[in-house]
């Protein structure tokens, strides 16, 4: 890889990091091509993207896209064959897919994550985030809880009207 192509790769990583709500660091050493393809597909369904990168290139990108302390903390968590998962929005869905995939193949893959370019998550924090419901589920639950009293009132009024007739 020549210097120009490395600069292009670093610029691409920087733009991906800056456009993402969260970036997960995944060690893909030891997983098969079929498993990696399966993981890519699952992540794509939730609006995230898996990209294999050289650690040295991500080192340059992290130093450019993140604050110095966050970059140093993030880089300290990286080892092995690096893949990055870029979650543009609803990062809990990407965390959920990664944790589910880890359980399926019975290997620890996730090394850490950077959230909103300011906090570095540990594996435990990623597991906790993966348990958060999606935005759609939260909205459905909220609407149900708001509509239930009205539904109960309507049923009660219907019973009163039926009793009076």
Protein backbone atom coordinates (compact mmCIF):
# COMPACT_ATOMS: atom_id res chain seq x y z
CA UNK A 1 0.00 0.00 0.00
CA UNK A 2 1.56 3.28 -1.12
CA UNK A 3 1.56 6.52 0.84
CA UNK A 4 -1.21 8.06 -1.27
CA UNK A 5 -3.50 5.07 -0.82
CA UNK A 6 -2.79 5.12 2.93
CA UNK A 7 -3.74 8.80 3.08
CA UNK A 8 -6.98 8.02 1.26
CA UNK A 9 -7.69 5.11 3.64
CA UNK A 10 -7.04 7.31 6.70
CA UNK A 11 -9.27 10.08 5.29
CA UNK A 12 -12.02 7.52 4.71
CA UNK A 13 -11.71 6.25 8.29
CA UNK A 14 -11.76 9.80 9.65
CA UNK A 15 -14.96 10.63 7.76
CA UNK A 16 -16.59 7.37 8.94
CA UNK A 17 -15.65 8.07 12.58
CA UNK A 18 -16.91 11.65 12.38
CA UNK A 19 -20.22 10.56 10.81
CA UNK A 20 -20.86 7.78 13.34
CA UNK A 21 -22.68 7.88 16.65
CA UNK A 22 -20.49 5.02 17.87
CA UNK A 23 -17.50 3.05 16.59
CA UNK A 24 -17.01 -0.48 17.92
CA UNK A 25 -13.61 -2.19 17.85
CA UNK A 26 -13.89 -5.86 16.94
CA UNK A 27 -11.15 -8.50 16.86
CA UNK A 28 -12.04 -10.66 13.84
CA UNK A 29 -9.04 -12.99 14.12
CA UNK A 30 -10.19 -16.59 14.15
CA UNK A 31 -13.62 -16.13 12.61
CA UNK A 32 -14.37 -17.66 9.24
CA UNK A 33 -15.27 -15.74 6.09
CA UNK A 34 -18.82 -17.10 6.33
CA UNK A 35 -19.13 -15.85 9.93
CA UNK A 36 -17.78 -12.45 8.96
CA UNK A 37 -20.27 -12.28 6.07
CA UNK A 38 -23.07 -13.22 8.49
CA UNK A 39 -21.97 -10.47 10.89
CA UNK A 40 -21.80 -7.90 8.08
CA UNK A 41 -25.33 -8.77 6.99
CA UNK A 42 -26.72 -8.56 10.51
CA UNK A 43 -25.05 -5.19 11.08
CA UNK A 44 -26.22 -3.86 7.72
CA UNK A 45 -29.83 -4.65 8.70
CA UNK A 46 -29.54 -2.32 11.71
CA UNK A 47 -27.87 0.48 9.75
CA UNK A 48 -24.27 -0.22 10.76
CA UNK A 49 -21.20 -1.06 8.72
CA UNK A 50 -18.26 -3.40 9.36
CA UNK A 51 -14.91 -2.39 7.91
CA UNK A 52 -11.60 -4.23 8.35
CA UNK A 53 -8.71 -1.83 8.89
CA UNK A 54 -5.04 -1.87 9.72
CA UNK A 55 -4.38 -0.83 13.29
CA UNK A 56 -1.72 1.64 12.18
CA UNK A 57 -4.18 3.37 9.82
CA UNK A 58 -6.84 3.56 12.50
CA UNK A 59 -4.20 4.98 14.85
CA UNK A 60 -3.73 7.96 12.48
CA UNK A 61 -7.50 8.32 11.93
CA UNK A 62 -8.30 8.21 15.66
CA UNK A 63 -5.72 10.87 16.44
CA UNK A 64 -7.26 13.09 13.77
CA UNK A 65 -10.97 12.45 14.45
CA UNK A 66 -11.00 12.09 18.25
CA UNK A 67 -9.60 14.09 21.15
CA UNK A 68 -6.11 13.05 22.22
CA UNK A 69 -7.19 11.38 25.47
CA UNK A 70 -10.11 9.51 23.85
CA UNK A 71 -7.86 8.34 21.00
CA UNK A 72 -5.23 7.08 23.45
CA UNK A 73 -7.85 5.28 25.54
CA UNK A 74 -9.47 3.75 22.44
CA UNK A 75 -6.17 2.63 20.97
CA UNK A 76 -5.18 0.95 24.24
CA UNK A 77 -8.13 -1.45 23.82
CA UNK A 78 -7.18 -2.58 20.32
CA UNK A 79 -5.26 -5.77 19.59
CA UNK A 80 -5.46 -8.58 17.06
CA UNK A 81 -6.99 -8.28 13.60
CA UNK A 82 -9.06 -5.09 13.72
CA UNK A 83 -12.48 -4.52 12.27
CA UNK A 84 -14.47 -1.40 12.96
CA UNK A 85 -18.24 -1.25 13.21
CA UNK A 86 -19.60 2.19 12.38
CA UNK A 87 -23.06 2.81 13.87
CA UNK A 88 -24.56 5.93 12.32
CA UNK A 89 -27.59 5.98 14.65
CA UNK A 90 -29.19 3.78 17.29
CA UNK A 91 -25.86 2.32 18.34
CA UNK A 92 -27.61 0.01 20.81
CA UNK A 93 -28.82 -2.04 17.83
CA UNK A 94 -25.25 -2.54 16.61
CA UNK A 95 -24.20 -3.44 20.18
CA UNK A 96 -27.07 -5.93 20.37
CA UNK A 97 -26.01 -7.58 17.08
CA UNK A 98 -22.36 -7.77 18.16
CA UNK A 99 -23.23 -9.29 21.55
CA UNK A 100 -25.62 -11.76 19.93
CA UNK A 101 -22.98 -12.76 17.38
CA UNK A 102 -20.40 -13.24 20.15
CA UNK A 103 -22.78 -15.61 21.95
CA UNK A 104 -23.46 -17.50 18.72
CA UNK A 105 -19.81 -18.17 17.86
CA UNK A 106 -18.70 -18.35 21.51
CA UNK A 107 -15.73 -16.02 21.09
CA UNK A 108 -15.00 -12.61 22.59
CA UNK A 109 -14.83 -10.25 19.65
CA UNK A 110 -15.70 -6.81 20.92
CA UNK A 111 -12.75 -4.95 22.37
CA UNK A 112 -14.41 -1.62 23.10
CA UNK A 113 -16.17 1.32 21.52
CA UNK A 114 -16.09 5.08 21.24
CA UNK A 115 -19.46 6.75 21.72
CA UNK A 116 -20.20 10.23 20.40
CA UNK A 117 -16.47 10.87 20.06
CA UNK A 118 -16.21 11.42 23.80
CA UNK A 119 -16.60 8.26 25.85
CA UNK A 120 -14.80 4.96 25.50
CA UNK A 121 -17.02 2.01 26.41
CA UNK A 122 -15.80 -1.22 27.97
CA UNK A 123 -17.20 -4.65 27.09
CA UNK A 124 -19.55 -4.51 30.11
CA UNK A 125 -20.88 -1.12 29.05
CA UNK A 126 -21.41 -2.40 25.50
CA UNK A 127 -23.34 -5.39 26.88
CA UNK A 128 -25.47 -3.01 28.98
CA UNK A 129 -26.15 -0.80 25.95
CA UNK A 130 -27.16 -3.84 23.91
CA UNK A 131 -30.04 -4.43 26.33
CA UNK A 132 -31.61 -1.04 25.63
CA UNK A 133 -34.75 -1.23 23.51
CA UNK A 134 -34.77 0.40 20.09
CA UNK A 135 -36.36 3.81 19.58
CA UNK A 136 -39.35 2.23 17.82
CA UNK A 137 -40.03 -0.15 20.73
CA UNK A 138 -39.79 2.68 23.26
CA UNK A 139 -42.26 4.78 21.23
CA UNK A 140 -44.66 1.83 20.95
CA UNK A 141 -44.54 1.24 24.70
CA UNK A 142 -45.07 4.93 25.42
CA UNK A 143 -48.06 5.15 23.05
CA UNK A 144 -49.58 2.04 24.60
CA UNK A 145 -49.19 3.43 28.11
CA UNK A 146 -50.80 6.70 26.98
CA UNK A 147 -53.67 5.01 25.15
CA UNK A 148 -54.49 2.43 27.84
CA UNK A 149 -56.35 4.83 30.20
CA UNK A 150 -58.46 6.12 27.32
CA UNK A 151 -59.25 2.55 26.22
CA UNK A 152 -60.18 1.56 29.78
CA UNK A 153 -62.47 4.62 30.08
CA UNK A 154 -64.16 3.80 26.77
CA UNK A 155 -64.78 0.21 27.89
CA UNK A 156 -66.19 1.39 31.23
CA UNK A 157 -68.52 3.87 29.51
CA UNK A 158 -69.67 1.14 27.12
CA UNK A 159 -70.48 -1.13 30.08
CA UNK A 160 -72.42 1.67 31.82
CA UNK A 161 -74.35 2.39 28.63
CA UNK A 162 -75.13 -1.31 28.13
CA UNK A 163 -76.28 -1.61 31.75
CA UNK A 164 -78.62 1.39 31.45
CA UNK A 165 -80.28 0.02 28.29
